[in-house]
Amino acid sequence: MKSEDVKQLATNAIETLAAALDAGKSEDLKRYLAAIGRFHRYSLHNVMLIALQKPMASHVAGFHTWKKLGRVVRKGEKAIFILAPMVRTKRNTQREEHDTNPVLLGFRGCGVFDYSQTEGCELPSVGRVAGDPSEYQERLTQFVAAQGIALSYDRAIHPARGSSEGGKITLLPGMSPAENFATLVHELGHELLHRAERATTTKRQRETEAEAVAFVVCHAIGLETGTASQDYIQLYNGDAKLLLDRLERVRSAASQILDGIGS
């Protein structure tokens, strides 16, 4: 594919993605956000307690929360104990009114369970990439190595699918070929665009650019992206304006990758 063809393909793909972002959140993303909203944000202390008891925990919740999400805790599963605050509202005895500010009385131990300890309905998820990258997977792996970037697989990064650390990319093992390819392109996008720019860019900017690069490359080799890139970018509050503002950077990185894998 000639450089001008790649440039036009990237422009068309980005315009398509920008239009999808302008259209609003997909139904899959709305369901995902609603489900994730049921999970509490835990204090650092409780995060450490969870990690000590179940290092590979991904989503934890109480027995009744899992039930509301259509899942049940399997019999015999051992609870993960955390500390829950005990609060009450103050009563104004003179006006017989409740103060809106709660009073912390202390903490009590309570049990939560990880997703892996439950069964039932699958949790809603953001869009996934489908298809077969075929020979492009090996070409991409070789291109990554040619850039002096180490590539490894490690379950410890779960629930993330990939991570980039400036010269090193780590992927979650066990993904489908399409997801593996898309995630590797996303992390490679970070390597090409952000290795020296982390201090001068926001996470919103970085994630929008990297996912847009993945969208362009996946689109170019015929993978079915559905709403995957749109959903991912909107998780980081990215929008069409930001995407179009970064068009030239996205196009440059995507063109470099497409040229490198001989698409």
C-alpha atoms as a PDB file:
ATOM      1  CA  MET A   1       0.000   0.000   0.000  1.00  0.00           C
ATOM      2  CA  LYS A   2       1.428   3.371  -1.035  1.00  0.00           C
ATOM      3  CA  SER A   3       1.994   6.056   1.589  1.00  0.00           C
ATOM      4  CA  GLU A   4      -0.756   8.234   0.109  1.00  0.00           C
ATOM      5  CA  ASP A   5      -3.175   5.308   0.257  1.00  0.00           C
ATOM      6  CA  VAL A   6      -2.292   4.701   3.908  1.00  0.00           C
ATOM      7  CA  LYS A   7      -2.750   8.398   4.660  1.00  0.00           C
ATOM      8  CA  GLN A   8      -6.195   8.437   3.075  1.00  0.00           C
ATOM      9  CA  LEU A   9      -7.223   5.187   4.752  1.00  0.00           C
ATOM     10  CA  ALA A  10      -6.191   6.575   8.147  1.00  0.00           C
ATOM     11  CA  THR A  11      -8.074   9.816   7.550  1.00  0.00           C
ATOM     12  CA  ASN A  12     -11.240   7.968   6.532  1.00  0.00           C
ATOM     13  CA  ALA A  13     -11.013   5.637   9.530  1.00  0.00           C
ATOM     14  CA  ILE A  14     -10.538   8.511  11.984  1.00  0.00           C
ATOM     15  CA  GLU A  15     -13.486  10.392  10.511  1.00  0.00           C
ATOM     16  CA  THR A  16     -15.621   7.267  10.956  1.00  0.00           C
ATOM     17  CA  LEU A  17     -14.476   6.921  14.564  1.00  0.00           C
ATOM     18  CA  ALA A  18     -15.080  10.625  15.256  1.00  0.00           C
ATOM     19  CA  ALA A  19     -18.643  10.310  13.946  1.00  0.00           C
ATOM     20  CA  ALA A  20     -19.225   7.338  16.264  1.00  0.00           C
ATOM     21  CA  LEU A  21     -17.948   9.339  19.231  1.00  0.00           C
ATOM     22  CA  ASP A  22     -20.253  12.218  18.336  1.00  0.00           C
ATOM     23  CA  ALA A  23     -23.198   9.811  18.238  1.00  0.00           C
ATOM     24  CA  GLY A  24     -22.795   9.158  21.972  1.00  0.00           C
ATOM     25  CA  LYS A  25     -22.139   6.103  24.108  1.00  0.00           C
ATOM     26  CA  SER A  26     -22.978   2.692  22.667  1.00  0.00           C
ATOM     27  CA  GLU A  27     -25.581   0.512  24.366  1.00  0.00           C
ATOM     28  CA  ASP A  28     -22.838  -1.943  25.387  1.00  0.00           C
ATOM     29  CA  LEU A  29     -20.888   0.840  27.064  1.00  0.00           C
ATOM     30  CA  LYS A  30     -23.985   2.119  28.860  1.00  0.00           C
ATOM     31  CA  ARG A  31     -24.667  -1.357  30.293  1.00  0.00           C
ATOM     32  CA  TYR A  32     -21.001  -1.739  31.251  1.00  0.00           C
ATOM     33  CA  LEU A  33     -20.922   1.597  33.075  1.00  0.00           C
ATOM     34  CA  ALA A  34     -24.163   0.776  34.898  1.00  0.00           C
ATOM     35  CA  ALA A  35     -22.733  -2.529  36.107  1.00  0.00           C
ATOM     36  CA  ILE A  36     -19.359  -1.084  37.092  1.00  0.00           C
ATOM     37  CA  GLY A  37     -21.182   1.642  39.007  1.00  0.00           C
ATOM     38  CA  ARG A  38     -22.360  -1.004  41.456  1.00  0.00           C
ATOM     39  CA  PHE A  39     -18.801  -1.736  42.544  1.00  0.00           C
ATOM     40  CA  HIS A  40     -17.529   0.374  45.424  1.00  0.00           C
ATOM     41  CA  ARG A  41     -14.310   2.327  45.312  1.00  0.00           C
ATOM     42  CA  TYR A  42     -12.209   0.865  48.097  1.00  0.00           C
ATOM     43  CA  SER A  43      -9.712   2.651  50.307  1.00  0.00           C
ATOM     44  CA  LEU A  44      -6.012   1.929  49.921  1.00  0.00           C
ATOM     45  CA  HIS A  45      -6.148  -0.113  53.131  1.00  0.00           C
ATOM     46  CA  ASN A  46      -8.944  -2.303  51.778  1.00  0.00           C
ATOM     47  CA  VAL A  47      -7.216  -2.642  48.403  1.00  0.00           C
ATOM     48  CA  MET A  48      -4.202  -4.014  50.270  1.00  0.00           C
ATOM     49  CA  LEU A  49      -6.410  -6.393  52.273  1.00  0.00           C
ATOM     50  CA  ILE A  50      -7.992  -7.689  49.062  1.00  0.00           C
ATOM     51  CA  ALA A  51      -4.599  -8.119  47.372  1.00  0.00           C
ATOM     52  CA  LEU A  52      -3.213 -10.036  50.351  1.00  0.00           C
ATOM     53  CA  GLN A  53      -6.151 -12.451  50.438  1.00  0.00           C
ATOM     54  CA  LYS A  54      -6.749 -12.831  46.682  1.00  0.00           C
ATOM     55  CA  PRO A  55      -3.936 -11.332  44.579  1.00  0.00           C
ATOM     56  CA  MET A  56      -5.692 -11.983  41.245  1.00  0.00           C
ATOM     57  CA  ALA A  57      -9.015 -10.384  42.262  1.00  0.00           C
ATOM     58  CA  SER A  58     -10.547  -8.216  39.526  1.00  0.00           C
ATOM     59  CA  HIS A  59     -14.019  -7.094  40.652  1.00  0.00           C
ATOM     60  CA  VAL A  60     -15.154  -7.590  44.227  1.00  0.00           C
ATOM     61  CA  ALA A  61     -18.586  -6.981  45.714  1.00  0.00           C
ATOM     62  CA  GLY A  62     -20.852  -8.155  48.499  1.00  0.00           C
ATOM     63  CA  PHE A  63     -23.177 -11.155  48.253  1.00  0.00           C
ATOM     64  CA  HIS A  64     -26.277  -9.056  47.551  1.00  0.00           C
ATOM     65  CA  THR A  65     -24.579  -6.835  44.961  1.00  0.00           C
ATOM     66  CA  TRP A  66     -23.593  -9.912  42.974  1.00  0.00           C
ATOM     67  CA  LYS A  67     -27.192 -11.087  43.177  1.00  0.00           C
ATOM     68  CA  LYS A  68     -28.410  -7.785  41.703  1.00  0.00           C
ATOM     69  CA  LEU A  69     -25.948  -8.302  38.850  1.00  0.00           C
ATOM     70  CA  GLY A  70     -27.402 -11.724  38.108  1.00  0.00           C
ATOM     71  CA  ARG A  71     -24.608 -13.756  39.664  1.00  0.00           C
ATOM     72  CA  VAL A  72     -24.423 -15.918  42.780  1.00  0.00           C
ATOM     73  CA  VAL A  73     -21.501 -16.801  45.008  1.00  0.00           C
ATOM     74  CA  ARG A  74     -20.567 -20.456  44.573  1.00  0.00           C
ATOM     75  CA  LYS A  75     -21.023 -22.706  47.582  1.00  0.00           C
ATOM     76  CA  GLY A  76     -17.876 -23.160  49.641  1.00  0.00           C
ATOM     77  CA  GLU A  77     -16.203 -19.948  48.473  1.00  0.00           C
ATOM     78  CA  LYS A  78     -14.240 -18.141  51.165  1.00  0.00           C
ATOM     79  CA  ALA A  79     -15.080 -14.469  51.659  1.00  0.00           C
ATOM     80  CA  ILE A  80     -12.452 -11.741  51.354  1.00  0.00           C
ATOM     81  CA  PHE A  81     -12.652  -9.655  54.522  1.00  0.00           C
ATOM     82  CA  ILE A  82     -12.382  -5.894  54.387  1.00  0.00           C
ATOM     83  CA  LEU A  83     -13.234  -3.065  56.790  1.00  0.00           C
ATOM     84  CA  ALA A  84     -16.543  -1.264  56.244  1.00  0.00           C
ATOM     85  CA  PRO A  85     -17.287   2.077  57.933  1.00  0.00           C
ATOM     86  CA  MET A  86     -20.179   2.307  60.408  1.00  0.00           C
ATOM     87  CA  VAL A  87     -21.889   5.696  60.151  1.00  0.00           C
ATOM     88  CA  ARG A  88     -25.033   7.380  61.370  1.00  0.00           C
ATOM     89  CA  THR A  89     -26.563  10.802  60.954  1.00  0.00           C
ATOM     90  CA  LYS A  90     -26.643  13.237  63.866  1.00  0.00           C
ATOM     91  CA  ARG A  91     -30.036  14.289  65.221  1.00  0.00           C
ATOM     92  CA  ASN A  92     -30.576  17.929  66.097  1.00  0.00           C
ATOM     93  CA  THR A  93     -32.543  17.563  69.342  1.00  0.00           C
ATOM     94  CA  GLN A  94     -33.677  21.186  69.311  1.00  0.00           C
ATOM     95  CA  ARG A  95     -35.260  21.116  65.858  1.00  0.00           C
ATOM     96  CA  GLU A  96     -35.839  17.362  65.546  1.00  0.00           C
ATOM     97  CA  GLU A  97     -33.954  17.320  62.273  1.00  0.00           C
ATOM     98  CA  HIS A  98     -31.257  15.048  60.936  1.00  0.00           C
ATOM     99  CA  ASP A  99     -27.895  16.548  60.098  1.00  0.00           C
ATOM    100  CA  THR A 100     -26.930  15.647  56.531  1.00  0.00           C
ATOM    101  CA  ASN A 101     -23.309  15.007  57.575  1.00  0.00           C
ATOM    102  CA  PRO A 102     -22.820  11.414  58.761  1.00  0.00           C
ATOM    103  CA  VAL A 103     -20.761  10.615  61.851  1.00  0.00           C
ATOM    104  CA  LEU A 104     -18.182   7.845  61.654  1.00  0.00           C
ATOM    105  CA  LEU A 105     -18.679   5.450  64.577  1.00  0.00           C
ATOM    106  CA  GLY A 106     -15.941   3.011  63.650  1.00  0.00           C
ATOM    107  CA  PHE A 107     -15.307   0.057  61.359  1.00  0.00           C
ATOM    108  CA  ARG A 108     -16.543  -3.500  61.140  1.00  0.00           C
ATOM    109  CA  GLY A 109     -15.302  -6.474  59.201  1.00  0.00           C
ATOM    110  CA  CYS A 110     -17.406  -7.589  56.256  1.00  0.00           C
ATOM    111  CA  GLY A 111     -17.030 -10.144  53.501  1.00  0.00           C
ATOM    112  CA  VAL A 112     -16.850  -9.525  49.761  1.00  0.00           C
ATOM    113  CA  PHE A 113     -16.319 -11.943  46.879  1.00  0.00           C
ATOM    114  CA  ASP A 114     -14.359 -11.724  43.657  1.00  0.00           C
ATOM    115  CA  TYR A 115     -15.934 -12.231  40.236  1.00  0.00           C
ATOM    116  CA  SER A 116     -14.043 -15.537  39.927  1.00  0.00           C
ATOM    117  CA  GLN A 117     -15.915 -16.821  42.997  1.00  0.00           C
ATOM    118  CA  THR A 118     -19.301 -16.277  41.401  1.00  0.00           C
ATOM    119  CA  GLU A 119     -21.324 -17.737  38.558  1.00  0.00           C
ATOM    120  CA  GLY A 120     -24.308 -16.649  36.498  1.00  0.00           C
ATOM    121  CA  CYS A 121     -24.879 -13.904  33.951  1.00  0.00           C
ATOM    122  CA  GLU A 122     -21.762 -12.497  32.313  1.00  0.00           C
ATOM    123  CA  LEU A 123     -20.934  -8.935  33.267  1.00  0.00           C
ATOM    124  CA  PRO A 124     -21.532  -6.437  30.461  1.00  0.00           C
ATOM    125  CA  SER A 125     -18.317  -5.515  28.693  1.00  0.00           C
ATOM    126  CA  VAL A 126     -17.138  -2.882  26.265  1.00  0.00           C
ATOM    127  CA  GLY A 127     -16.891  -3.830  22.599  1.00  0.00           C
ATOM    128  CA  ARG A 128     -14.437  -6.447  21.426  1.00  0.00           C
ATOM    129  CA  VAL A 129     -12.378  -6.779  18.269  1.00  0.00           C
ATOM    130  CA  ALA A 130     -13.110  -9.862  16.161  1.00  0.00           C
ATOM    131  CA  GLY A 131     -11.634 -11.522  13.094  1.00  0.00           C
ATOM    132  CA  ASP A 132      -8.350 -13.152  12.166  1.00  0.00           C
ATOM    133  CA  PRO A 133      -5.166 -11.070  11.882  1.00  0.00           C
ATOM    134  CA  SER A 134      -3.490 -14.118  10.258  1.00  0.00           C
ATOM    135  CA  GLU A 135       0.076 -13.337   9.111  1.00  0.00           C
ATOM    136  CA  TYR A 136      -0.121  -9.761  10.377  1.00  0.00           C
ATOM    137  CA  GLN A 137       0.238 -10.976  13.975  1.00  0.00           C
ATOM    138  CA  GLU A 138       3.715 -12.357  13.342  1.00  0.00           C
ATOM    139  CA  ARG A 139       4.671  -9.320  11.268  1.00  0.00           C
ATOM    140  CA  LEU A 140       3.552  -7.020  14.068  1.00  0.00           C
ATOM    141  CA  THR A 141       5.539  -8.996  16.640  1.00  0.00           C
ATOM    142  CA  GLN A 142       8.637  -8.722  14.437  1.00  0.00           C
ATOM    143  CA  PHE A 143       8.065  -4.984  13.949  1.00  0.00           C
ATOM    144  CA  VAL A 144       7.824  -4.482  17.715  1.00  0.00           C
ATOM    145  CA  ALA A 145      11.130  -6.316  18.190  1.00  0.00           C
ATOM    146  CA  ALA A 146      12.740  -4.232  15.417  1.00  0.00           C
ATOM    147  CA  GLN A 147      11.891  -1.091  17.414  1.00  0.00           C
ATOM    148  CA  GLY A 148      13.919  -2.437  20.332  1.00  0.00           C
ATOM    149  CA  ILE A 149      10.777  -3.052  22.385  1.00  0.00           C
ATOM    150  CA  ALA A 150      10.606  -6.134  24.611  1.00  0.00           C
ATOM    151  CA  LEU A 151       7.336  -8.071  24.473  1.00  0.00           C
ATOM    152  CA  SER A 152       6.144 -10.410  27.230  1.00  0.00           C
ATOM    153  CA  TYR A 153       2.940 -11.985  28.561  1.00  0.00           C
ATOM    154  CA  ASP A 154       1.940 -11.923  32.222  1.00  0.00           C
ATOM    155  CA  ARG A 155      -1.362 -12.663  33.996  1.00  0.00           C
ATOM    156  CA  ALA A 156      -0.356 -10.277  36.784  1.00  0.00           C
ATOM    157  CA  ILE A 157      -1.504  -7.270  34.722  1.00  0.00           C
ATOM    158  CA  HIS A 158      -5.135  -8.503  34.852  1.00  0.00           C
ATOM    159  CA  PRO A 159      -7.700  -6.935  34.555  1.00  0.00           C
ATOM    160  CA  ALA A 160      -5.729  -4.759  32.095  1.00  0.00           C
ATOM    161  CA  ARG A 161      -5.191  -6.327  28.682  1.00  0.00           C
ATOM    162  CA  GLY A 162      -1.860  -4.631  28.093  1.00  0.00           C
ATOM    163  CA  SER A 163       0.676  -2.203  29.496  1.00  0.00           C
ATOM    164  CA  SER A 164       3.507  -0.097  28.104  1.00  0.00           C
ATOM    165  CA  GLU A 165       6.523   0.923  30.154  1.00  0.00           C
ATOM    166  CA  GLY A 166       8.886   2.697  27.782  1.00  0.00           C
ATOM    167  CA  GLY A 167      10.696  -0.017  25.856  1.00  0.00           C
ATOM    168  CA  LYS A 168       8.616  -2.877  27.248  1.00  0.00           C
ATOM    169  CA  ILE A 169       5.111  -4.091  26.376  1.00  0.00           C
ATOM    170  CA  THR A 170       3.292  -6.657  28.495  1.00  0.00           C
ATOM    171  CA  LEU A 171       0.123  -8.365  27.289  1.00  0.00           C
ATOM    172  CA  LEU A 172      -2.443 -10.492  29.086  1.00  0.00           C
ATOM    173  CA  PRO A 173      -2.145 -14.110  27.919  1.00  0.00           C
ATOM    174  CA  GLY A 174      -5.164 -16.024  26.650  1.00  0.00           C
ATOM    175  CA  MET A 175      -6.781 -13.307  24.540  1.00  0.00           C
ATOM    176  CA  SER A 176      -8.242 -14.093  21.123  1.00  0.00           C
ATOM    177  CA  PRO A 177      -5.904 -13.458  18.150  1.00  0.00           C
ATOM    178  CA  ALA A 178      -7.872 -10.320  17.204  1.00  0.00           C
ATOM    179  CA  GLU A 179      -7.826  -8.932  20.759  1.00  0.00           C
ATOM    180  CA  ASN A 180      -4.133  -9.755  21.102  1.00  0.00           C
ATOM    181  CA  PHE A 181      -3.341  -7.927  17.850  1.00  0.00           C
ATOM    182  CA  ALA A 182      -5.467  -4.886  18.705  1.00  0.00           C
ATOM    183  CA  THR A 183      -4.015  -4.615  22.212  1.00  0.00           C
ATOM    184  CA  LEU A 184      -0.457  -4.906  20.939  1.00  0.00           C
ATOM    185  CA  VAL A 185      -1.083  -2.131  18.395  1.00  0.00           C
ATOM    186  CA  HIS A 186      -2.583   0.046  21.142  1.00  0.00           C
ATOM    187  CA  GLU A 187       0.459  -0.404  23.388  1.00  0.00           C
ATOM    188  CA  LEU A 188       2.793   0.097  20.423  1.00  0.00           C
ATOM    189  CA  GLY A 189       0.950   3.356  19.782  1.00  0.00           C
ATOM    190  CA  HIS A 190       1.927   4.433  23.290  1.00  0.00           C
ATOM    191  CA  GLU A 191       5.536   3.480  22.610  1.00  0.00           C
ATOM    192  CA  LEU A 192       5.714   5.426  19.352  1.00  0.00           C
ATOM    193  CA  LEU A 193       3.857   8.507  20.559  1.00  0.00           C
ATOM    194  CA  HIS A 194       4.248   8.812  24.298  1.00  0.00           C
ATOM    195  CA  ARG A 195       7.507   7.317  25.490  1.00  0.00           C
ATOM    196  CA  ALA A 196       9.012  10.777  26.011  1.00  0.00           C
ATOM    197  CA  GLU A 197       5.760  12.696  26.480  1.00  0.00           C
ATOM    198  CA  ARG A 198       4.078  11.276  29.561  1.00  0.00           C
ATOM    199  CA  ALA A 199       4.873  14.328  31.640  1.00  0.00           C
ATOM    200  CA  THR A 200       3.445  16.760  29.071  1.00  0.00           C
ATOM    201  CA  THR A 201       0.271  14.919  28.042  1.00  0.00           C
ATOM    202  CA  THR A 202      -2.857  13.815  29.876  1.00  0.00           C
ATOM    203  CA  LYS A 203      -4.048  10.239  30.180  1.00  0.00           C
ATOM    204  CA  ARG A 204      -7.137  11.286  28.206  1.00  0.00           C
ATOM    205  CA  GLN A 205      -4.942  12.430  25.324  1.00  0.00           C
ATOM    206  CA  ARG A 206      -2.674   9.388  25.437  1.00  0.00           C
ATOM    207  CA  GLU A 207      -5.463   6.818  25.548  1.00  0.00           C
ATOM    208  CA  THR A 208      -7.422   8.542  22.783  1.00  0.00           C
ATOM    209  CA  GLU A 209      -4.379   8.590  20.514  1.00  0.00           C
ATOM    210  CA  ALA A 210      -3.283   5.010  21.214  1.00  0.00           C
ATOM    211  CA  GLU A 211      -6.763   3.563  20.711  1.00  0.00           C
ATOM    212  CA  ALA A 212      -7.270   5.582  17.532  1.00  0.00           C
ATOM    213  CA  VAL A 213      -4.029   4.116  16.185  1.00  0.00           C
ATOM    214  CA  ALA A 214      -5.328   0.636  17.020  1.00  0.00           C
ATOM    215  CA  PHE A 215      -8.625   1.409  15.278  1.00  0.00           C
ATOM    216  CA  VAL A 216      -6.895   2.547  12.075  1.00  0.00           C
ATOM    217  CA  VAL A 217      -4.536  -0.442  11.894  1.00  0.00           C
ATOM    218  CA  CYS A 218      -7.255  -2.991  12.722  1.00  0.00           C
ATOM    219  CA  HIS A 219      -9.530  -1.372  10.158  1.00  0.00           C
ATOM    220  CA  ALA A 220      -6.753  -1.530   7.540  1.00  0.00           C
ATOM    221  CA  ILE A 221      -6.201  -5.289   7.874  1.00  0.00           C
ATOM    222  CA  GLY A 222      -9.910  -6.124   7.967  1.00  0.00           C
ATOM    223  CA  LEU A 223     -10.600  -6.837  11.634  1.00  0.00           C
ATOM    224  CA  GLU A 224     -14.118  -6.180  12.919  1.00  0.00           C
ATOM    225  CA  THR A 225     -13.813  -3.455  15.550  1.00  0.00           C
ATOM    226  CA  GLY A 226     -17.501  -2.845  16.225  1.00  0.00           C
ATOM    227  CA  THR A 227     -17.766  -0.296  19.039  1.00  0.00           C
ATOM    228  CA  ALA A 228     -14.548  -1.427  20.766  1.00  0.00           C
ATOM    229  CA  SER A 229     -12.434   1.663  20.071  1.00  0.00           C
ATOM    230  CA  GLN A 230     -15.348   4.050  20.525  1.00  0.00           C
ATOM    231  CA  ASP A 231     -16.158   2.483  23.902  1.00  0.00           C
ATOM    232  CA  TYR A 232     -12.538   2.518  25.062  1.00  0.00           C
ATOM    233  CA  ILE A 233     -11.979   6.170  24.153  1.00  0.00           C
ATOM    234  CA  GLN A 234     -15.199   7.237  25.864  1.00  0.00           C
ATOM    235  CA  LEU A 235     -14.167   5.410  29.031  1.00  0.00           C
ATOM    236  CA  TYR A 236     -11.368   7.985  29.213  1.00  0.00           C
ATOM    237  CA  ASN A 237     -13.719  10.874  28.301  1.00  0.00           C
ATOM    238  CA  GLY A 238     -12.224  11.248  24.863  1.00  0.00           C
ATOM    239  CA  ASP A 239     -14.384  12.870  22.195  1.00  0.00           C
ATOM    240  CA  ALA A 240     -14.454  13.693  18.492  1.00  0.00           C
ATOM    241  CA  LYS A 241     -12.860  17.125  18.918  1.00  0.00           C
ATOM    242  CA  LEU A 242      -9.863  15.744  20.792  1.00  0.00           C
ATOM    243  CA  LEU A 243      -9.519  12.939  18.251  1.00  0.00           C
ATOM    244  CA  LEU A 244      -9.555  15.287  15.266  1.00  0.00           C
ATOM    245  CA  ASP A 245      -7.138  17.657  17.021  1.00  0.00           C
ATOM    246  CA  ARG A 246      -4.670  14.748  17.256  1.00  0.00           C
ATOM    247  CA  LEU A 247      -5.360  13.457  13.733  1.00  0.00           C
ATOM    248  CA  GLU A 248      -1.894  14.029  12.306  1.00  0.00           C
ATOM    249  CA  ARG A 249      -0.160  12.269  15.208  1.00  0.00           C
ATOM    250  CA  VAL A 250      -2.518   9.297  14.981  1.00  0.00           C
ATOM    251  CA  ARG A 251      -2.126   9.096  11.222  1.00  0.00           C
ATOM    252  CA  SER A 252       1.675   9.241  11.468  1.00  0.00           C
ATOM    253  CA  ALA A 253       1.913   6.409  14.018  1.00  0.00           C
ATOM    254  CA  ALA A 254      -0.640   4.249  12.206  1.00  0.00           C
ATOM    255  CA  SER A 255       1.161   4.740   8.899  1.00  0.00           C
ATOM    256  CA  GLN A 256       4.460   3.743  10.490  1.00  0.00           C
ATOM    257  CA  ILE A 257       2.932   0.525  11.819  1.00  0.00           C
ATOM    258  CA  LEU A 258       1.104  -0.332   8.588  1.00  0.00           C
ATOM    259  CA  ASP A 259       4.272   0.229   6.607  1.00  0.00           C
ATOM    260  CA  GLY A 260       6.175  -1.929   9.088  1.00  0.00           C
ATOM    261  CA  ILE A 261       3.798  -4.886   8.824  1.00  0.00           C
ATOM    262  CA  GLY A 262       3.515  -4.590   5.045  1.00  0.00           C
ATOM    263  CA  SER A 263      -0.236  -4.177   4.854  1.00  0.00           C
END
